[in-house]
PDB file of N, CA and C in Angstrom:
ATOM      1  N   MET A   1      -6.283  57.695   0.771  1.00  0.00           N
ATOM      2  CA  MET A   1      -7.151  58.684   1.397  1.00  0.00           C
ATOM      3  C   MET A   1      -6.299  59.797   1.994  1.00  0.00           C
ATOM      4  N   ASP A   2      -6.674  61.029   1.717  1.00  0.00           N
ATOM      5  CA  ASP A   2      -5.962  62.178   2.259  1.00  0.00           C
ATOM      6  C   ASP A   2      -6.317  62.384   3.723  1.00  0.00           C
ATOM      7  N   THR A   3      -5.328  62.836   4.477  1.00  0.00           N
ATOM      8  CA  THR A   3      -5.606  63.138   5.875  1.00  0.00           C
ATOM      9  C   THR A   3      -6.242  64.522   5.958  1.00  0.00           C
ATOM     10  N   PRO A   4      -7.169  64.736   6.884  1.00  0.00           N
ATOM     11  CA  PRO A   4      -7.815  66.044   7.008  1.00  0.00           C
ATOM     12  C   PRO A   4      -6.809  67.114   7.424  1.00  0.00           C
ATOM     13  N   TYR A   5      -7.094  68.337   7.007  1.00  0.00           N
ATOM     14  CA  TYR A   5      -6.246  69.469   7.372  1.00  0.00           C
ATOM     15  C   TYR A   5      -6.333  69.711   8.874  1.00  0.00           C
ATOM     16  N   ASN A   6      -5.186  69.867   9.508  1.00  0.00           N
ATOM     17  CA  ASN A   6      -5.117  70.121  10.942  1.00  0.00           C
ATOM     18  C   ASN A   6      -4.561  71.528  11.171  1.00  0.00           C
ATOM     19  N   PRO A   7      -5.415  72.519  11.501  1.00  0.00           N
ATOM     20  CA  PRO A   7      -4.915  73.880  11.695  1.00  0.00           C
ATOM     21  C   PRO A   7      -3.976  74.021  12.890  1.00  0.00           C
ATOM     22  N   TRP A   8      -4.028  73.071  13.818  1.00  0.00           N
ATOM     23  CA  TRP A   8      -3.157  73.149  14.996  1.00  0.00           C
ATOM     24  C   TRP A   8      -1.707  72.867  14.633  1.00  0.00           C
ATOM     25  N   SER A   9      -1.460  72.229  13.500  1.00  0.00           N
ATOM     26  CA  SER A   9      -0.079  71.923  13.117  1.00  0.00           C
ATOM     27  C   SER A   9       0.698  73.183  12.763  1.00  0.00           C
ATOM     28  N   ASP A  10       0.001  74.277  12.475  1.00  0.00           N
ATOM     29  CA  ASP A  10       0.652  75.537  12.135  1.00  0.00           C
ATOM     30  C   ASP A  10       0.918  76.412  13.359  1.00  0.00           C
ATOM     31  N   LYS A  11       0.460  75.987  14.510  1.00  0.00           N
ATOM     32  CA  LYS A  11       0.582  76.793  15.727  1.00  0.00           C
ATOM     33  C   LYS A  11       1.713  76.293  16.613  1.00  0.00           C
ATOM     34  N   PRO A  12       2.345  77.207  17.382  1.00  0.00           N
ATOM     35  CA  PRO A  12       3.393  76.776  18.318  1.00  0.00           C
ATOM     36  C   PRO A  12       2.810  75.995  19.494  1.00  0.00           C
ATOM     37  N   ARG A  13       3.683  75.384  20.289  1.00  0.00           N
ATOM     38  CA  ARG A  13       3.238  74.548  21.417  1.00  0.00           C
ATOM     39  C   ARG A  13       2.392  75.307  22.418  1.00  0.00           C
ATOM     40  N   TRP A  14       2.690  76.583  22.635  1.00  0.00           N
ATOM     41  CA  TRP A  14       1.944  77.342  23.634  1.00  0.00           C
ATOM     42  C   TRP A  14       0.556  77.742  23.139  1.00  0.00           C
ATOM     43  N   CYS A  15       0.225  77.448  21.891  1.00  0.00           N
ATOM     44  CA  CYS A  15      -1.079  77.791  21.338  1.00  0.00           C
ATOM     45  C   CYS A  15      -1.791  76.538  20.826  1.00  0.00           C
ATOM     46  N   GLN A  16      -1.708  75.472  21.560  1.00  0.00           N
ATOM     47  CA  GLN A  16      -2.360  74.211  21.220  1.00  0.00           C
ATOM     48  C   GLN A  16      -3.625  74.073  22.074  1.00  0.00           C
ATOM     49  N   PRO A  17      -4.544  73.191  21.674  1.00  0.00           N
ATOM     50  CA  PRO A  17      -5.798  73.071  22.435  1.00  0.00           C
ATOM     51  C   PRO A  17      -5.586  72.755  23.916  1.00  0.00           C
ATOM     52  N   TRP A  18      -4.640  71.885  24.215  1.00  0.00           N
ATOM     53  CA  TRP A  18      -4.431  71.513  25.615  1.00  0.00           C
ATOM     54  C   TRP A  18      -3.917  72.688  26.432  1.00  0.00           C
ATOM     55  N   THR A  19      -3.112  73.594  25.837  1.00  0.00           N
ATOM     56  CA  THR A  19      -2.627  74.750  26.595  1.00  0.00           C
ATOM     57  C   THR A  19      -3.738  75.774  26.780  1.00  0.00           C
ATOM     58  N   ILE A  20      -4.613  75.894  25.785  1.00  0.00           N
ATOM     59  CA  ILE A  20      -5.737  76.824  25.908  1.00  0.00           C
ATOM     60  C   ILE A  20      -6.667  76.366  27.025  1.00  0.00           C
ATOM     61  N   VAL A  21      -7.006  75.081  27.041  1.00  0.00           N
ATOM     62  CA  VAL A  21      -7.896  74.545  28.077  1.00  0.00           C
ATOM     63  C   VAL A  21      -7.223  74.609  29.444  1.00  0.00           C
ATOM     64  N   LEU A  22      -5.959  74.238  29.529  1.00  0.00           N
ATOM     65  CA  LEU A  22      -5.243  74.279  30.807  1.00  0.00           C
ATOM     66  C   LEU A  22      -5.167  75.702  31.357  1.00  0.00           C
ATOM     67  N   THR A  23      -4.888  76.664  30.500  1.00  0.00           N
ATOM     68  CA  THR A  23      -4.836  78.062  30.938  1.00  0.00           C
ATOM     69  C   THR A  23      -6.197  78.520  31.451  1.00  0.00           C
ATOM     70  N   GLY A  24      -7.252  78.184  30.707  1.00  0.00           N
ATOM     71  CA  GLY A  24      -8.595  78.577  31.130  1.00  0.00           C
ATOM     72  C   GLY A  24      -8.988  77.960  32.454  1.00  0.00           C
ATOM     73  N   VAL A  25      -8.710  76.679  32.618  1.00  0.00           N
ATOM     74  CA  VAL A  25      -9.039  76.001  33.873  1.00  0.00           C
ATOM     75  C   VAL A  25      -8.238  76.592  35.033  1.00  0.00           C
ATOM     76  N   CYS A  26      -6.984  76.904  34.796  1.00  0.00           N
ATOM     77  CA  CYS A  26      -6.153  77.507  35.862  1.00  0.00           C
ATOM     78  C   CYS A  26      -6.655  78.897  36.244  1.00  0.00           C
ATOM     79  N   ILE A  27      -7.081  79.685  35.258  1.00  0.00           N
ATOM     80  CA  ILE A  27      -7.598  81.020  35.566  1.00  0.00           C
ATOM     81  C   ILE A  27      -8.904  80.916  36.359  1.00  0.00           C
ATOM     82  N   ILE A  28      -9.795  80.035  35.925  1.00  0.00           N
ATOM     83  CA  ILE A  28     -11.071  79.863  36.633  1.00  0.00           C
ATOM     84  C   ILE A  28     -10.821  79.319  38.042  1.00  0.00           C
ATOM     85  N   GLY A  29      -9.991  78.289  38.157  1.00  0.00           N
ATOM     86  CA  GLY A  29      -9.660  77.735  39.479  1.00  0.00           C
ATOM     87  C   GLY A  29      -8.937  78.738  40.358  1.00  0.00           C
ATOM     88  N   GLY A  30      -8.061  79.528  39.742  1.00  0.00           N
ATOM     89  CA  GLY A  30      -7.342  80.553  40.498  1.00  0.00           C
ATOM     90  C   GLY A  30      -8.258  81.628  41.043  1.00  0.00           C
ATOM     91  N   SER A  31      -9.290  81.971  40.275  1.00  0.00           N
ATOM     92  CA  SER A  31     -10.233  82.976  40.782  1.00  0.00           C
ATOM     93  C   SER A  31     -10.977  82.442  42.002  1.00  0.00           C
ATOM     94  N   TRP A  32     -11.283  81.137  41.988  1.00  0.00           N
ATOM     95  CA  TRP A  32     -11.955  80.547  43.151  1.00  0.00           C
ATOM     96  C   TRP A  32     -11.005  80.506  44.349  1.00  0.00           C
ATOM     97  N   LEU A  33      -9.769  80.074  44.112  1.00  0.00           N
ATOM     98  CA  LEU A  33      -8.802  79.986  45.214  1.00  0.00           C
ATOM     99  C   LEU A  33      -8.462  81.353  45.794  1.00  0.00           C
ATOM    100  N   LEU A  34      -8.468  82.354  44.945  1.00  0.00           N
ATOM    101  CA  LEU A  34      -8.103  83.696  45.397  1.00  0.00           C
ATOM    102  C   LEU A  34      -9.255  84.398  46.122  1.00  0.00           C
ATOM    103  N   PHE A  35     -10.471  84.300  45.602  1.00  0.00           N
ATOM    104  CA  PHE A  35     -11.586  85.075  46.142  1.00  0.00           C
ATOM    105  C   PHE A  35     -12.600  84.256  46.950  1.00  0.00           C
ATOM    106  N   HIS A  36     -12.718  82.964  46.685  1.00  0.00           N
ATOM    107  CA  HIS A  36     -13.718  82.117  47.341  1.00  0.00           C
ATOM    108  C   HIS A  36     -15.124  82.703  47.262  1.00  0.00           C
ATOM    109  N   ARG A  37     -15.433  83.263  46.108  1.00  0.00           N
ATOM    110  CA  ARG A  37     -16.765  83.818  45.859  1.00  0.00           C
ATOM    111  C   ARG A  37     -17.271  83.229  44.544  1.00  0.00           C
ATOM    112  N   ILE A  38     -18.420  82.584  44.600  1.00  0.00           N
ATOM    113  CA  ILE A  38     -18.968  81.931  43.424  1.00  0.00           C
ATOM    114  C   ILE A  38     -19.311  82.950  42.337  1.00  0.00           C
ATOM    115  N   TRP A  39     -19.775  84.129  42.716  1.00  0.00           N
ATOM    116  CA  TRP A  39     -20.150  85.121  41.729  1.00  0.00           C
ATOM    117  C   TRP A  39     -18.932  85.675  41.002  1.00  0.00           C
ATOM    118  N   VAL A  40     -17.811  85.821  41.701  1.00  0.00           N
ATOM    119  CA  VAL A  40     -16.580  86.279  41.048  1.00  0.00           C
ATOM    120  C   VAL A  40     -16.096  85.209  40.075  1.00  0.00           C
ATOM    121  N   THR A  41     -16.103  83.965  40.535  1.00  0.00           N
ATOM    122  CA  THR A  41     -15.687  82.868  39.667  1.00  0.00           C
ATOM    123  C   THR A  41     -16.623  82.753  38.467  1.00  0.00           C
ATOM    124  N   GLY A  42     -17.903  82.979  38.681  1.00  0.00           N
ATOM    125  CA  GLY A  42     -18.859  82.967  37.569  1.00  0.00           C
ATOM    126  C   GLY A  42     -18.571  84.066  36.559  1.00  0.00           C
ATOM    127  N   LEU A  43     -18.244  85.270  37.062  1.00  0.00           N
ATOM    128  CA  LEU A  43     -17.889  86.375  36.166  1.00  0.00           C
ATOM    129  C   LEU A  43     -16.619  86.084  35.378  1.00  0.00           C
ATOM    130  N   VAL A  44     -15.691  85.381  35.987  1.00  0.00           N
ATOM    131  CA  VAL A  44     -14.455  85.003  35.296  1.00  0.00           C
ATOM    132  C   VAL A  44     -14.725  83.870  34.312  1.00  0.00           C
ATOM    133  N   THR A  45     -15.595  82.948  34.687  1.00  0.00           N
ATOM    134  CA  THR A  45     -15.858  81.762  33.873  1.00  0.00           C
ATOM    135  C   THR A  45     -16.491  82.101  32.528  1.00  0.00           C
ATOM    136  N   VAL A  46     -17.382  83.074  32.494  1.00  0.00           N
ATOM    137  CA  VAL A  46     -18.102  83.383  31.255  1.00  0.00           C
ATOM    138  C   VAL A  46     -17.150  83.811  30.130  1.00  0.00           C
ATOM    139  N   PRO A  47     -16.339  84.847  30.298  1.00  0.00           N
ATOM    140  CA  PRO A  47     -15.465  85.231  29.175  1.00  0.00           C
ATOM    141  C   PRO A  47     -14.380  84.188  28.874  1.00  0.00           C
ATOM    142  N   ILE A  48     -13.874  83.533  29.903  1.00  0.00           N
ATOM    143  CA  ILE A  48     -12.851  82.511  29.681  1.00  0.00           C
ATOM    144  C   ILE A  48     -13.463  81.317  28.958  1.00  0.00           C
ATOM    145  N   GLY A  49     -14.681  80.942  29.320  1.00  0.00           N
ATOM    146  CA  GLY A  49     -15.364  79.848  28.632  1.00  0.00           C
ATOM    147  C   GLY A  49     -15.640  80.168  27.171  1.00  0.00           C
ATOM    148  N   VAL A  50     -16.031  81.403  26.896  1.00  0.00           N
ATOM    149  CA  VAL A  50     -16.255  81.831  25.514  1.00  0.00           C
ATOM    150  C   VAL A  50     -14.938  81.787  24.741  1.00  0.00           C
ATOM    151  N   TRP A  51     -13.865  82.279  25.339  1.00  0.00           N
ATOM    152  CA  TRP A  51     -12.533  82.271  24.719  1.00  0.00           C
ATOM    153  C   TRP A  51     -12.088  80.841  24.414  1.00  0.00           C
ATOM    154  N   MET A  52     -12.218  79.946  25.383  1.00  0.00           N
ATOM    155  CA  MET A  52     -11.825  78.554  25.167  1.00  0.00           C
ATOM    156  C   MET A  52     -12.697  77.908  24.091  1.00  0.00           C
ATOM    157  N   GLY A  53     -14.001  78.132  24.166  1.00  0.00           N
ATOM    158  CA  GLY A  53     -14.906  77.546  23.189  1.00  0.00           C
ATOM    159  C   GLY A  53     -14.606  78.008  21.779  1.00  0.00           C
ATOM    160  N   PHE A  54     -14.323  79.297  21.637  1.00  0.00           N
ATOM    161  CA  PHE A  54     -14.015  79.816  20.309  1.00  0.00           C
ATOM    162  C   PHE A  54     -12.749  79.178  19.751  1.00  0.00           C
ATOM    163  N   PHE A  55     -11.673  79.211  20.523  1.00  0.00           N
ATOM    164  CA  PHE A  55     -10.395  78.753  19.992  1.00  0.00           C
ATOM    165  C   PHE A  55     -10.252  77.238  19.917  1.00  0.00           C
ATOM    166  N   VAL A  56     -10.968  76.508  20.735  1.00  0.00           N
ATOM    167  CA  VAL A  56     -10.827  75.049  20.701  1.00  0.00           C
ATOM    168  C   VAL A  56     -11.876  74.411  19.787  1.00  0.00           C
ATOM    169  N   LEU A  57     -13.075  74.974  19.716  1.00  0.00           N
ATOM    170  CA  LEU A  57     -14.147  74.350  18.934  1.00  0.00           C
ATOM    171  C   LEU A  57     -14.425  75.052  17.603  1.00  0.00           C
ATOM    172  N   LEU A  58     -14.561  76.352  17.613  1.00  0.00           N
ATOM    173  CA  LEU A  58     -14.998  77.079  16.429  1.00  0.00           C
ATOM    174  C   LEU A  58     -13.853  77.447  15.492  1.00  0.00           C
ATOM    175  N   TRP A  59     -12.755  77.930  16.011  1.00  0.00           N
ATOM    176  CA  TRP A  59     -11.633  78.380  15.177  1.00  0.00           C
ATOM    177  C   TRP A  59     -11.105  77.318  14.217  1.00  0.00           C
ATOM    178  N   PRO A  60     -10.909  76.059  14.640  1.00  0.00           N
ATOM    179  CA  PRO A  60     -10.411  75.063  13.675  1.00  0.00           C
ATOM    180  C   PRO A  60     -11.356  74.852  12.491  1.00  0.00           C
ATOM    181  N   LYS A  61     -12.668  74.851  12.741  1.00  0.00           N
ATOM    182  CA  LYS A  61     -13.637  74.691  11.660  1.00  0.00           C
ATOM    183  C   LYS A  61     -13.587  75.881  10.713  1.00  0.00           C
ATOM    184  N   LEU A  62     -13.480  77.089  11.272  1.00  0.00           N
ATOM    185  CA  LEU A  62     -13.398  78.279  10.434  1.00  0.00           C
ATOM    186  C   LEU A  62     -12.119  78.277   9.593  1.00  0.00           C
ATOM    187  N   MET A  63     -11.018  77.820  10.164  1.00  0.00           N
ATOM    188  CA  MET A  63      -9.757  77.753   9.419  1.00  0.00           C
ATOM    189  C   MET A  63      -9.852  76.755   8.274  1.00  0.00           C
ATOM    190  N   ARG A  64     -10.466  75.600   8.514  1.00  0.00           N
ATOM    191  CA  ARG A  64     -10.622  74.600   7.450  1.00  0.00           C
ATOM    192  C   ARG A  64     -11.465  75.153   6.302  1.00  0.00           C
ATOM    193  N   LYS A  65     -12.547  75.849   6.642  1.00  0.00           N
ATOM    194  CA  LYS A  65     -13.399  76.432   5.605  1.00  0.00           C
ATOM    195  C   LYS A  65     -12.661  77.527   4.838  1.00  0.00           C
ATOM    196  N   ALA A  66     -11.905  78.355   5.545  1.00  0.00           N
ATOM    197  CA  ALA A  66     -11.159  79.424   4.886  1.00  0.00           C
ATOM    198  C   ALA A  66     -10.077  78.862   3.964  1.00  0.00           C
ATOM    199  N   MET A  67      -9.394  77.827   4.407  1.00  0.00           N
ATOM    200  CA  MET A  67      -8.358  77.211   3.577  1.00  0.00           C
ATOM    201  C   MET A  67      -8.977  76.566   2.342  1.00  0.00           C
ATOM    202  N   ALA A  68     -10.135  75.963   2.479  1.00  0.00           N
ATOM    203  CA  ALA A  68     -10.816  75.353   1.340  1.00  0.00           C
ATOM    204  C   ALA A  68     -11.295  76.432   0.364  1.00  0.00           C
ATOM    205  N   ALA A  69     -11.790  77.544   0.895  1.00  0.00           N
ATOM    206  CA  ALA A  69     -12.262  78.630   0.037  1.00  0.00           C
ATOM    207  C   ALA A  69     -11.120  79.245  -0.759  1.00  0.00           C
ATOM    208  N   GLU A  70      -9.930  79.291  -0.174  1.00  0.00           N
ATOM    209  CA  GLU A  70      -8.769  79.835  -0.869  1.00  0.00           C
ATOM    210  C   GLU A  70      -8.124  78.818  -1.802  1.00  0.00           C
ATOM    211  N   GLY A  71      -8.612  77.587  -1.764  1.00  0.00           N
ATOM    212  CA  GLY A  71      -8.062  76.555  -2.631  1.00  0.00           C
ATOM    213  C   GLY A  71      -6.783  75.927  -2.123  1.00  0.00           C
ATOM    214  N   GLN A  72      -6.430  76.163  -0.864  1.00  0.00           N
ATOM    215  CA  GLN A  72      -5.192  75.621  -0.302  1.00  0.00           C
ATOM    216  C   GLN A  72      -5.358  74.174   0.143  1.00  0.00           C
ATOM    217  N   ILE A  73      -6.584  73.757   0.391  1.00  0.00           N
ATOM    218  CA  ILE A  73      -6.864  72.358   0.712  1.00  0.00           C
ATOM    219  C   ILE A  73      -8.076  71.919  -0.081  1.00  0.00           C
ATOM    220  N   LYS A  74      -8.243  70.636  -0.230  1.00  0.00           N
ATOM    221  CA  LYS A  74      -9.401  70.111  -0.929  1.00  0.00           C
ATOM    222  C   LYS A  74     -10.629  70.214  -0.024  1.00  0.00           C
ATOM    223  N   PRO A  75     -11.785  70.553  -0.591  1.00  0.00           N
ATOM    224  CA  PRO A  75     -12.997  70.629   0.245  1.00  0.00           C
ATOM    225  C   PRO A  75     -13.309  69.317   0.962  1.00  0.00           C
ATOM    226  N   GLY A  76     -12.874  68.197   0.442  1.00  0.00           N
ATOM    227  CA  GLY A  76     -13.108  66.908   1.095  1.00  0.00           C
ATOM    228  C   GLY A  76     -12.295  66.730   2.356  1.00  0.00           C
ATOM    229  N   ASN A  77     -11.307  67.602   2.589  1.00  0.00           N
ATOM    230  CA  ASN A  77     -10.452  67.498   3.778  1.00  0.00           C
ATOM    231  C   ASN A  77     -10.925  68.413   4.899  1.00  0.00           C
ATOM    232  N   LEU A  78     -12.201  68.712   4.929  1.00  0.00           N
ATOM    233  CA  LEU A  78     -12.727  69.587   5.969  1.00  0.00           C
ATOM    234  C   LEU A  78     -13.099  68.840   7.226  1.00  0.00           C
ATOM    235  N   ASP A  79     -13.119  67.492   7.176  1.00  0.00           N
ATOM    236  CA  ASP A  79     -13.480  66.722   8.359  1.00  0.00           C
ATOM    237  C   ASP A  79     -12.434  66.898   9.438  1.00  0.00           C
ATOM    238  N   SER A  80     -12.887  66.804  10.691  1.00  0.00           N
ATOM    239  CA  SER A  80     -11.947  66.959  11.817  1.00  0.00           C
ATOM    240  C   SER A  80     -11.294  65.699  12.185  1.00  0.00           C
TER     241      SER A  80
END
């Protein structure tokens, strides 16, 4: 059985899922520690949450589909 394609294997250490989530959590937590205003933290949370969601959840699926469309991986290796 072939192992599924892992798009994270092509990325450096600073661009891995754990660094993306850690950076986002630190930015959101830092906004709270700096301003102590829920509305400011909420304004920071929305774009950072979208950024984290895109790169941690959506981007790997899109990369697998793109690699399969280009014929670089087998379509059966699209599972995560």
